[in-house]
Amino acid sequence: KASGGPDGSVFVAQGVPAMTLHQDGSDYFDYHHTPNDTLD
């Protein structure tokens, strides 16, 4: 049921095959869209 990612989902909606490599997002939303989304 891969989405292909957010942008990839636009292609999937048109029948394009997709693959998704899922990352561990346990702490991703600690930083998402904040000033704390930095290189460190």
PDB file of all heavy atoms in Angstrom:
ATOM      1  N   LYS A   1       0.821  -1.208   0.000  1.00  0.00           N
ATOM      2  CA  LYS A   1       0.000   0.000   0.000  1.00  0.00           C
ATOM      3  C   LYS A   1       0.860   1.265   0.000  1.00  0.00           C
ATOM      4  O   LYS A   1       0.461   2.304   0.529  1.00  0.00           O
ATOM      5  CB  LYS A   1      -0.928   0.003   1.207  1.00  0.00           C
ATOM      6  CG  LYS A   1      -1.882  -1.184   1.266  1.00  0.00           C
ATOM      7  CD  LYS A   1      -2.731  -1.156   2.522  1.00  0.00           C
ATOM      8  CE  LYS A   1      -3.656  -2.363   2.588  1.00  0.00           C
ATOM      9  NZ  LYS A   1      -4.467  -2.386   3.849  1.00  0.00           N
ATOM     10  N   ALA A   2       2.043   1.182  -0.586  1.00  0.00           N
ATOM     11  CA  ALA A   2       2.954   2.321  -0.581  1.00  0.00           C
ATOM     12  C   ALA A   2       2.317   3.548  -1.227  1.00  0.00           C
ATOM     13  O   ALA A   2       1.664   3.452  -2.262  1.00  0.00           O
ATOM     14  CB  ALA A   2       4.240   1.964  -1.332  1.00  0.00           C
ATOM     15  N   SER A   3       2.537   4.684  -0.606  1.00  0.00           N
ATOM     16  CA  SER A   3       2.041   5.951  -1.164  1.00  0.00           C
ATOM     17  C   SER A   3       3.052   6.576  -2.111  1.00  0.00           C
ATOM     18  O   SER A   3       2.702   7.427  -2.927  1.00  0.00           O
ATOM     19  CB  SER A   3       1.742   6.943  -0.042  1.00  0.00           C
ATOM     20  OG  SER A   3       2.948   7.395   0.560  1.00  0.00           O
ATOM     21  N   GLY A   4       4.321   6.175  -1.966  1.00  0.00           N
ATOM     22  CA  GLY A   4       5.375   6.813  -2.745  1.00  0.00           C
ATOM     23  C   GLY A   4       5.845   8.119  -2.151  1.00  0.00           C
ATOM     24  O   GLY A   4       6.711   8.789  -2.713  1.00  0.00           O
ATOM     25  N   GLY A   5       5.307   8.506  -0.973  1.00  0.00           N
ATOM     26  CA  GLY A   5       5.629   9.794  -0.368  1.00  0.00           C
ATOM     27  C   GLY A   5       4.577  10.826  -0.718  1.00  0.00           C
ATOM     28  O   GLY A   5       3.737  10.608  -1.596  1.00  0.00           O
ATOM     29  N   PRO A   6       4.596  11.992  -0.058  1.00  0.00           N
ATOM     30  CA  PRO A   6       3.564  13.011  -0.325  1.00  0.00           C
ATOM     31  C   PRO A   6       3.469  13.411  -1.793  1.00  0.00           C
ATOM     32  O   PRO A   6       2.395  13.351  -2.397  1.00  0.00           O
ATOM     33  CB  PRO A   6       4.004  14.181   0.565  1.00  0.00           C
ATOM     34  CG  PRO A   6       4.746  13.531   1.686  1.00  0.00           C
ATOM     35  CD  PRO A   6       5.479  12.375   1.062  1.00  0.00           C
ATOM     36  N   ASP A   7       4.582  13.835  -2.378  1.00  0.00           N
ATOM     37  CA  ASP A   7       4.542  14.191  -3.801  1.00  0.00           C
ATOM     38  C   ASP A   7       4.304  12.963  -4.657  1.00  0.00           C
ATOM     39  O   ASP A   7       3.587  13.017  -5.663  1.00  0.00           O
ATOM     40  CB  ASP A   7       5.848  14.866  -4.209  1.00  0.00           C
ATOM     41  CG  ASP A   7       6.010  16.243  -3.608  1.00  0.00           C
ATOM     42  OD1 ASP A   7       5.151  17.101  -3.848  1.00  0.00           O
ATOM     43  OD2 ASP A   7       7.000  16.472  -2.883  1.00  0.00           O
ATOM     44  N   GLY A   8       4.891  11.832  -4.266  1.00  0.00           N
ATOM     45  CA  GLY A   8       4.694  10.597  -5.018  1.00  0.00           C
ATOM     46  C   GLY A   8       3.249  10.161  -5.080  1.00  0.00           C
ATOM     47  O   GLY A   8       2.821   9.513  -6.043  1.00  0.00           O
ATOM     48  N   SER A   9       2.475  10.527  -4.059  1.00  0.00           N
ATOM     49  CA  SER A   9       1.075  10.115  -4.029  1.00  0.00           C
ATOM     50  C   SER A   9       0.280  10.688  -5.200  1.00  0.00           C
ATOM     51  O   SER A   9      -0.727  10.114  -5.618  1.00  0.00           O
ATOM     52  CB  SER A   9       0.427  10.539  -2.705  1.00  0.00           C
ATOM     53  OG  SER A   9       0.307  11.960  -2.626  1.00  0.00           O
ATOM     54  N   VAL A  10       0.732  11.824  -5.736  1.00  0.00           N
ATOM     55  CA  VAL A  10       0.054  12.425  -6.892  1.00  0.00           C
ATOM     56  C   VAL A  10       0.216  11.520  -8.113  1.00  0.00           C
ATOM     57  O   VAL A  10      -0.692  11.397  -8.943  1.00  0.00           O
ATOM     58  CB  VAL A  10       0.611  13.838  -7.158  1.00  0.00           C
ATOM     59  CG1 VAL A  10      -0.120  14.492  -8.325  1.00  0.00           C
ATOM     60  CG2 VAL A  10       0.482  14.707  -5.907  1.00  0.00           C
ATOM     61  N   PHE A  11       1.359  10.870  -8.223  1.00  0.00           N
ATOM     62  CA  PHE A  11       1.607   9.925  -9.322  1.00  0.00           C
ATOM     63  C   PHE A  11       0.832   8.629  -9.086  1.00  0.00           C
ATOM     64  O   PHE A  11       0.254   8.061 -10.019  1.00  0.00           O
ATOM     65  CB  PHE A  11       3.100   9.619  -9.425  1.00  0.00           C
ATOM     66  CG  PHE A  11       3.947  10.788  -9.822  1.00  0.00           C
ATOM     67  CD1 PHE A  11       4.300  11.764  -8.892  1.00  0.00           C
ATOM     68  CD2 PHE A  11       4.403  10.922 -11.114  1.00  0.00           C
ATOM     69  CE1 PHE A  11       5.090  12.846  -9.257  1.00  0.00           C
ATOM     70  CE2 PHE A  11       5.194  12.003 -11.494  1.00  0.00           C
ATOM     71  CZ  PHE A  11       5.534  12.972 -10.552  1.00  0.00           C
ATOM     72  N   VAL A  12       0.838   8.151  -7.853  1.00  0.00           N
ATOM     73  CA  VAL A  12       0.119   6.921  -7.509  1.00  0.00           C
ATOM     74  C   VAL A  12      -1.360   7.058  -7.854  1.00  0.00           C
ATOM     75  O   VAL A  12      -2.004   6.105  -8.311  1.00  0.00           O
ATOM     76  CB  VAL A  12       0.317   6.587  -6.016  1.00  0.00           C
ATOM     77  CG1 VAL A  12      -0.647   5.490  -5.566  1.00  0.00           C
ATOM     78  CG2 VAL A  12       1.758   6.142  -5.771  1.00  0.00           C
ATOM     79  N   ALA A  13      -1.906   8.245  -7.651  1.00  0.00           N
ATOM     80  CA  ALA A  13      -3.314   8.473  -7.971  1.00  0.00           C
ATOM     81  C   ALA A  13      -3.611   8.276  -9.453  1.00  0.00           C
ATOM     82  O   ALA A  13      -4.764   8.077  -9.841  1.00  0.00           O
ATOM     83  CB  ALA A  13      -3.725   9.889  -7.552  1.00  0.00           C
ATOM     84  N   GLN A  14      -2.571   8.285 -10.270  1.00  0.00           N
ATOM     85  CA  GLN A  14      -2.728   8.074 -11.713  1.00  0.00           C
ATOM     86  C   GLN A  14      -2.295   6.670 -12.125  1.00  0.00           C
ATOM     87  O   GLN A  14      -2.182   6.390 -13.325  1.00  0.00           O
ATOM     88  CB  GLN A  14      -1.907   9.116 -12.479  1.00  0.00           C
ATOM     89  CG  GLN A  14      -2.311  10.552 -12.194  1.00  0.00           C
ATOM     90  CD  GLN A  14      -3.754  10.843 -12.544  1.00  0.00           C
ATOM     91  OE1 GLN A  14      -4.242  10.412 -13.585  1.00  0.00           O
ATOM     92  NE2 GLN A  14      -4.447  11.567 -11.678  1.00  0.00           N
ATOM     93  N   GLY A  15      -2.034   5.797 -11.160  1.00  0.00           N
ATOM     94  CA  GLY A  15      -1.711   4.412 -11.469  1.00  0.00           C
ATOM     95  C   GLY A  15      -0.245   4.093 -11.609  1.00  0.00           C
ATOM     96  O   GLY A  15       0.115   2.975 -12.003  1.00  0.00           O
ATOM     97  N   VAL A  16       0.637   5.038 -11.283  1.00  0.00           N
ATOM     98  CA  VAL A  16       2.077   4.783 -11.380  1.00  0.00           C
ATOM     99  C   VAL A  16       2.509   3.882 -10.223  1.00  0.00           C
ATOM    100  O   VAL A  16       2.165   4.152  -9.064  1.00  0.00           O
ATOM    101  CB  VAL A  16       2.868   6.107 -11.349  1.00  0.00           C
ATOM    102  CG1 VAL A  16       4.373   5.836 -11.351  1.00  0.00           C
ATOM    103  CG2 VAL A  16       2.478   6.985 -12.532  1.00  0.00           C
ATOM    104  N   PRO A  17       3.248   2.804 -10.475  1.00  0.00           N
ATOM    105  CA  PRO A  17       3.753   1.950  -9.384  1.00  0.00           C
ATOM    106  C   PRO A  17       4.647   2.746  -8.440  1.00  0.00           C
ATOM    107  O   PRO A  17       5.324   3.701  -8.861  1.00  0.00           O
ATOM    108  CB  PRO A  17       4.551   0.869 -10.118  1.00  0.00           C
ATOM    109  CG  PRO A  17       3.988   0.848 -11.498  1.00  0.00           C
ATOM    110  CD  PRO A  17       3.612   2.267 -11.801  1.00  0.00           C
ATOM    111  N   ALA A  18       4.666   2.349  -7.180  1.00  0.00           N
ATOM    112  CA  ALA A  18       5.437   3.089  -6.181  1.00  0.00           C
ATOM    113  C   ALA A  18       6.126   2.149  -5.217  1.00  0.00           C
ATOM    114  O   ALA A  18       5.684   1.014  -5.003  1.00  0.00           O
ATOM    115  CB  ALA A  18       4.525   4.043  -5.414  1.00  0.00           C
ATOM    116  N   MET A  19       7.200   2.654  -4.633  1.00  0.00           N
ATOM    117  CA  MET A  19       7.875   1.985  -3.526  1.00  0.00           C
ATOM    118  C   MET A  19       8.152   3.029  -2.456  1.00  0.00           C
ATOM    119  O   MET A  19       8.366   4.206  -2.775  1.00  0.00           O
ATOM    120  CB  MET A  19       9.170   1.328  -3.991  1.00  0.00           C
ATOM    121  CG  MET A  19       8.957   0.187  -4.967  1.00  0.00           C
ATOM    122  SD  MET A  19      10.508  -0.584  -5.473  1.00  0.00           S
ATOM    123  CE  MET A  19       9.861  -1.909  -6.533  1.00  0.00           C
ATOM    124  N   THR A  20       8.130   2.605  -1.197  1.00  0.00           N
ATOM    125  CA  THR A  20       8.384   3.514  -0.087  1.00  0.00           C
ATOM    126  C   THR A  20       9.354   2.872   0.884  1.00  0.00           C
ATOM    127  O   THR A  20       9.137   1.744   1.330  1.00  0.00           O
ATOM    128  CB  THR A  20       7.083   3.871   0.654  1.00  0.00           C
ATOM    129  OG1 THR A  20       6.192   4.549  -0.244  1.00  0.00           O
ATOM    130  CG2 THR A  20       7.370   4.779   1.845  1.00  0.00           C
ATOM    131  N   LEU A  21      10.420   3.594   1.192  1.00  0.00           N
ATOM    132  CA  LEU A  21      11.370   3.189   2.221  1.00  0.00           C
ATOM    133  C   LEU A  21      11.064   4.018   3.460  1.00  0.00           C
ATOM    134  O   LEU A  21      11.351   5.215   3.507  1.00  0.00           O
ATOM    135  CB  LEU A  21      12.806   3.425   1.732  1.00  0.00           C
ATOM    136  CG  LEU A  21      13.266   2.477   0.615  1.00  0.00           C
ATOM    137  CD1 LEU A  21      14.516   3.023  -0.076  1.00  0.00           C
ATOM    138  CD2 LEU A  21      13.516   1.074   1.153  1.00  0.00           C
ATOM    139  N   HIS A  22      10.448   3.379   4.452  1.00  0.00           N
ATOM    140  CA  HIS A  22       9.973   4.094   5.637  1.00  0.00           C
ATOM    141  C   HIS A  22      11.114   4.355   6.622  1.00  0.00           C
ATOM    142  O   HIS A  22      11.809   3.433   7.050  1.00  0.00           O
ATOM    143  CB  HIS A  22       8.901   3.285   6.357  1.00  0.00           C
ATOM    144  CG  HIS A  22       7.591   3.229   5.651  1.00  0.00           C
ATOM    145  ND1 HIS A  22       6.644   4.219   5.742  1.00  0.00           N
ATOM    146  CD2 HIS A  22       7.060   2.291   4.823  1.00  0.00           C
ATOM    147  CE1 HIS A  22       5.588   3.893   5.013  1.00  0.00           C
ATOM    148  NE2 HIS A  22       5.820   2.736   4.439  1.00  0.00           N
ATOM    149  N   GLN A  23      11.247   5.620   6.990  1.00  0.00           N
ATOM    150  CA  GLN A  23      12.218   5.990   8.023  1.00  0.00           C
ATOM    151  C   GLN A  23      11.574   5.932   9.402  1.00  0.00           C
ATOM    152  O   GLN A  23      10.349   6.031   9.537  1.00  0.00           O
ATOM    153  CB  GLN A  23      12.740   7.402   7.754  1.00  0.00           C
ATOM    154  CG  GLN A  23      13.559   7.508   6.475  1.00  0.00           C
ATOM    155  CD  GLN A  23      13.561   8.918   5.915  1.00  0.00           C
ATOM    156  OE1 GLN A  23      12.505   9.498   5.660  1.00  0.00           O
ATOM    157  NE2 GLN A  23      14.733   9.478   5.710  1.00  0.00           N
ATOM    158  N   ASP A  24      12.399   5.794  10.407  1.00  0.00           N
ATOM    159  CA  ASP A  24      11.923   5.847  11.792  1.00  0.00           C
ATOM    160  C   ASP A  24      11.595   7.301  12.111  1.00  0.00           C
ATOM    161  O   ASP A  24      12.475   8.155  12.189  1.00  0.00           O
ATOM    162  CB  ASP A  24      13.006   5.321  12.738  1.00  0.00           C
ATOM    163  CG  ASP A  24      12.515   5.175  14.169  1.00  0.00           C
ATOM    164  OD1 ASP A  24      11.634   5.966  14.595  1.00  0.00           O
ATOM    165  OD2 ASP A  24      13.007   4.283  14.874  1.00  0.00           O
ATOM    166  N   GLY A  25      10.319   7.577  12.283  1.00  0.00           N
ATOM    167  CA  GLY A  25       9.878   8.946  12.527  1.00  0.00           C
ATOM    168  C   GLY A  25       9.500   9.212  13.972  1.00  0.00           C
ATOM    169  O   GLY A  25       8.715  10.121  14.237  1.00  0.00           O
ATOM    170  N   SER A  26      10.068   8.446  14.892  1.00  0.00           N
ATOM    171  CA  SER A  26       9.685   8.572  16.300  1.00  0.00           C
ATOM    172  C   SER A  26       9.840   9.994  16.819  1.00  0.00           C
ATOM    173  O   SER A  26       9.026  10.459  17.618  1.00  0.00           O
ATOM    174  CB  SER A  26      10.513   7.613  17.159  1.00  0.00           C
ATOM    175  OG  SER A  26      10.283   6.276  16.789  1.00  0.00           O
ATOM    176  N   ASP A  27      10.902  10.685  16.400  1.00  0.00           N
ATOM    177  CA  ASP A  27      11.106  12.050  16.898  1.00  0.00           C
ATOM    178  C   ASP A  27      10.956  13.111  15.808  1.00  0.00           C
ATOM    179  O   ASP A  27      11.196  14.288  16.053  1.00  0.00           O
ATOM    180  CB  ASP A  27      12.475  12.182  17.567  1.00  0.00           C
ATOM    181  CG  ASP A  27      13.638  11.994  16.593  1.00  0.00           C
ATOM    182  OD1 ASP A  27      13.386  11.652  15.415  1.00  0.00           O
ATOM    183  OD2 ASP A  27      14.798  12.180  17.007  1.00  0.00           O
ATOM    184  N   TYR A  28      10.541  12.713  14.617  1.00  0.00           N
ATOM    185  CA  TYR A  28      10.447  13.648  13.496  1.00  0.00           C
ATOM    186  C   TYR A  28       9.539  14.831  13.818  1.00  0.00           C
ATOM    187  O   TYR A  28       9.862  15.991  13.518  1.00  0.00           O
ATOM    188  CB  TYR A  28       9.942  12.897  12.260  1.00  0.00           C
ATOM    189  CG  TYR A  28       9.734  13.737  11.028  1.00  0.00           C
ATOM    190  CD1 TYR A  28      10.808  14.303  10.352  1.00  0.00           C
ATOM    191  CD2 TYR A  28       8.453  13.966  10.522  1.00  0.00           C
ATOM    192  CE1 TYR A  28      10.624  15.063   9.199  1.00  0.00           C
ATOM    193  CE2 TYR A  28       8.258  14.714   9.368  1.00  0.00           C
ATOM    194  CZ  TYR A  28       9.352  15.258   8.722  1.00  0.00           C
ATOM    195  OH  TYR A  28       9.150  16.010   7.579  1.00  0.00           O
ATOM    196  N   PHE A  29       8.421  14.555  14.450  1.00  0.00           N
ATOM    197  CA  PHE A  29       7.453  15.620  14.727  1.00  0.00           C
ATOM    198  C   PHE A  29       7.776  16.406  15.993  1.00  0.00           C
ATOM    199  O   PHE A  29       7.016  17.282  16.389  1.00  0.00           O
ATOM    200  CB  PHE A  29       6.037  15.046  14.764  1.00  0.00           C
ATOM    201  CG  PHE A  29       5.541  14.639  13.407  1.00  0.00           C
ATOM    202  CD1 PHE A  29       5.501  13.308  13.036  1.00  0.00           C
ATOM    203  CD2 PHE A  29       5.154  15.590  12.478  1.00  0.00           C
ATOM    204  CE1 PHE A  29       5.068  12.930  11.776  1.00  0.00           C
ATOM    205  CE2 PHE A  29       4.717  15.222  11.214  1.00  0.00           C
ATOM    206  CZ  PHE A  29       4.671  13.890  10.859  1.00  0.00           C
ATOM    207  N   ASP A  30       8.939  16.125  16.591  1.00  0.00           N
ATOM    208  CA  ASP A  30       9.449  17.027  17.620  1.00  0.00           C
ATOM    209  C   ASP A  30       9.979  18.311  16.980  1.00  0.00           C
ATOM    210  O   ASP A  30       9.982  19.370  17.612  1.00  0.00           O
ATOM    211  CB  ASP A  30      10.595  16.376  18.399  1.00  0.00           C
ATOM    212  CG  ASP A  30      10.139  15.257  19.314  1.00  0.00           C
ATOM    213  OD1 ASP A  30       8.914  15.027  19.431  1.00  0.00           O
ATOM    214  OD2 ASP A  30      11.004  14.587  19.910  1.00  0.00           O
ATOM    215  N   TYR A  31      10.439  18.199  15.734  1.00  0.00           N
ATOM    216  CA  TYR A  31      11.125  19.307  15.063  1.00  0.00           C
ATOM    217  C   TYR A  31      10.373  19.867  13.862  1.00  0.00           C
ATOM    218  O   TYR A  31      10.663  20.988  13.414  1.00  0.00           O
ATOM    219  CB  TYR A  31      12.507  18.827  14.582  1.00  0.00           C
ATOM    220  CG  TYR A  31      13.284  18.099  15.640  1.00  0.00           C
ATOM    221  CD1 TYR A  31      13.533  16.732  15.538  1.00  0.00           C
ATOM    222  CD2 TYR A  31      13.758  18.775  16.768  1.00  0.00           C
ATOM    223  CE1 TYR A  31      14.245  16.058  16.522  1.00  0.00           C
ATOM    224  CE2 TYR A  31      14.464  18.108  17.759  1.00  0.00           C
ATOM    225  CZ  TYR A  31      14.703  16.750  17.629  1.00  0.00           C
ATOM    226  OH  TYR A  31      15.390  16.090  18.609  1.00  0.00           O
ATOM    227  N   HIS A  32       9.440  19.123  13.357  1.00  0.00           N
ATOM    228  CA  HIS A  32       8.720  19.410  12.117  1.00  0.00           C
ATOM    229  C   HIS A  32       8.115  20.811  12.115  1.00  0.00           C
ATOM    230  O   HIS A  32       7.351  21.176  13.011  1.00  0.00           O
ATOM    231  CB  HIS A  32       7.612  18.351  11.985  1.00  0.00           C
ATOM    232  CG  HIS A  32       6.785  18.394  10.768  1.00  0.00           C
ATOM    233  ND1 HIS A  32       5.463  18.787  10.774  1.00  0.00           N
ATOM    234  CD2 HIS A  32       7.064  18.063   9.488  1.00  0.00           C
ATOM    235  CE1 HIS A  32       4.959  18.680   9.570  1.00  0.00           C
ATOM    236  NE2 HIS A  32       5.906  18.246   8.758  1.00  0.00           N
ATOM    237  N   HIS A  33       8.507  21.629  11.128  1.00  0.00           N
ATOM    238  CA  HIS A  33       7.934  22.962  10.922  1.00  0.00           C
ATOM    239  C   HIS A  33       8.215  23.920  12.078  1.00  0.00           C
ATOM    240  O   HIS A  33       7.415  24.825  12.351  1.00  0.00           O
ATOM    241  CB  HIS A  33       6.419  22.879  10.680  1.00  0.00           C
ATOM    242  CG  HIS A  33       6.048  22.185   9.418  1.00  0.00           C
ATOM    243  ND1 HIS A  33       4.731  22.061   8.994  1.00  0.00           N
ATOM    244  CD2 HIS A  33       6.792  21.568   8.458  1.00  0.00           C
ATOM    245  CE1 HIS A  33       4.703  21.402   7.851  1.00  0.00           C
ATOM    246  NE2 HIS A  33       5.942  21.091   7.508  1.00  0.00           N
ATOM    247  N   THR A  34       9.346  23.735  12.752  1.00  0.00           N
ATOM    248  CA  THR A  34       9.724  24.635  13.851  1.00  0.00           C
ATOM    249  C   THR A  34      11.084  25.265  13.579  1.00  0.00           C
ATOM    250  O   THR A  34      11.836  24.805  12.713  1.00  0.00           O
ATOM    251  CB  THR A  34       9.819  23.888  15.201  1.00  0.00           C
ATOM    252  OG1 THR A  34      11.007  23.081  15.205  1.00  0.00           O
ATOM    253  CG2 THR A  34       8.599  23.024  15.454  1.00  0.00           C
ATOM    254  N   PRO A  35      11.462  26.289  14.364  1.00  0.00           N
ATOM    255  CA  PRO A  35      12.827  26.823  14.269  1.00  0.00           C
ATOM    256  C   PRO A  35      13.891  25.784  14.617  1.00  0.00           C
ATOM    257  O   PRO A  35      15.072  25.987  14.337  1.00  0.00           O
ATOM    258  CB  PRO A  35      12.817  27.967  15.296  1.00  0.00           C
ATOM    259  CG  PRO A  35      11.388  28.365  15.417  1.00  0.00           C
ATOM    260  CD  PRO A  35      10.612  27.086  15.273  1.00  0.00           C
ATOM    261  N   ASN A  36      13.465  24.671  15.226  1.00  0.00           N
ATOM    262  CA  ASN A  36      14.398  23.640  15.681  1.00  0.00           C
ATOM    263  C   ASN A  36      14.723  22.614  14.598  1.00  0.00           C
ATOM    264  O   ASN A  36      15.450  21.649  14.860  1.00  0.00           O
ATOM    265  CB  ASN A  36      13.810  22.925  16.906  1.00  0.00           C
ATOM    266  CG  ASN A  36      14.861  22.578  17.936  1.00  0.00           C
ATOM    267  OD1 ASN A  36      15.990  23.032  17.855  1.00  0.00           O
ATOM    268  ND2 ASN A  36      14.487  21.779  18.903  1.00  0.00           N
ATOM    269  N   ASP A  37      14.195  22.795  13.378  1.00  0.00           N
ATOM    270  CA  ASP A  37      14.542  21.904  12.267  1.00  0.00           C
ATOM    271  C   ASP A  37      15.859  22.389  11.670  1.00  0.00           C
ATOM    272  O   ASP A  37      15.891  23.153  10.712  1.00  0.00           O
ATOM    273  CB  ASP A  37      13.429  21.891  11.215  1.00  0.00           C
ATOM    274  CG  ASP A  37      13.749  20.972  10.034  1.00  0.00           C
ATOM    275  OD1 ASP A  37      14.827  20.325  10.060  1.00  0.00           O
ATOM    276  OD2 ASP A  37      12.942  20.902   9.095  1.00  0.00           O
ATOM    277  N   THR A  38      16.953  21.918  12.253  1.00  0.00           N
ATOM    278  CA  THR A  38      18.289  22.392  11.908  1.00  0.00           C
ATOM    279  C   THR A  38      19.250  21.222  11.730  1.00  0.00           C
ATOM    280  O   THR A  38      18.948  20.079  12.094  1.00  0.00           O
ATOM    281  CB  THR A  38      18.815  23.342  12.993  1.00  0.00           C
ATOM    282  OG1 THR A  38      18.623  22.729  14.282  1.00  0.00           O
ATOM    283  CG2 THR A  38      18.070  24.674  12.984  1.00  0.00           C
ATOM    284  N   LEU A  39      20.418  21.521  11.197  1.00  0.00           N
ATOM    285  CA  LEU A  39      21.378  20.498  10.771  1.00  0.00           C
ATOM    286  C   LEU A  39      21.812  19.563  11.894  1.00  0.00           C
ATOM    287  O   LEU A  39      22.090  18.382  11.646  1.00  0.00           O
ATOM    288  CB  LEU A  39      22.600  21.176  10.150  1.00  0.00           C
ATOM    289  CG  LEU A  39      23.683  20.262   9.587  1.00  0.00           C
ATOM    290  CD1 LEU A  39      23.149  19.430   8.429  1.00  0.00           C
ATOM    291  CD2 LEU A  39      24.900  21.083   9.157  1.00  0.00           C
ATOM    292  N   ASP A  40      21.885  20.061  13.113  1.00  0.00           N
ATOM    293  CA  ASP A  40      22.363  19.226  14.224  1.00  0.00           C
ATOM    294  C   ASP A  40      21.442  18.040  14.510  1.00  0.00           C
ATOM    295  O   ASP A  40      21.839  17.108  15.223  1.00  0.00           O
ATOM    296  CB  ASP A  40      22.516  20.059  15.496  1.00  0.00           C
ATOM    297  CG  ASP A  40      21.242  20.795  15.871  1.00  0.00           C
ATOM    298  OD1 ASP A  40      20.755  21.599  15.049  1.00  0.00           O
ATOM    299  OD2 ASP A  40      20.721  20.561  16.974  1.00  0.00           O
TER     300      ASP A  40
END
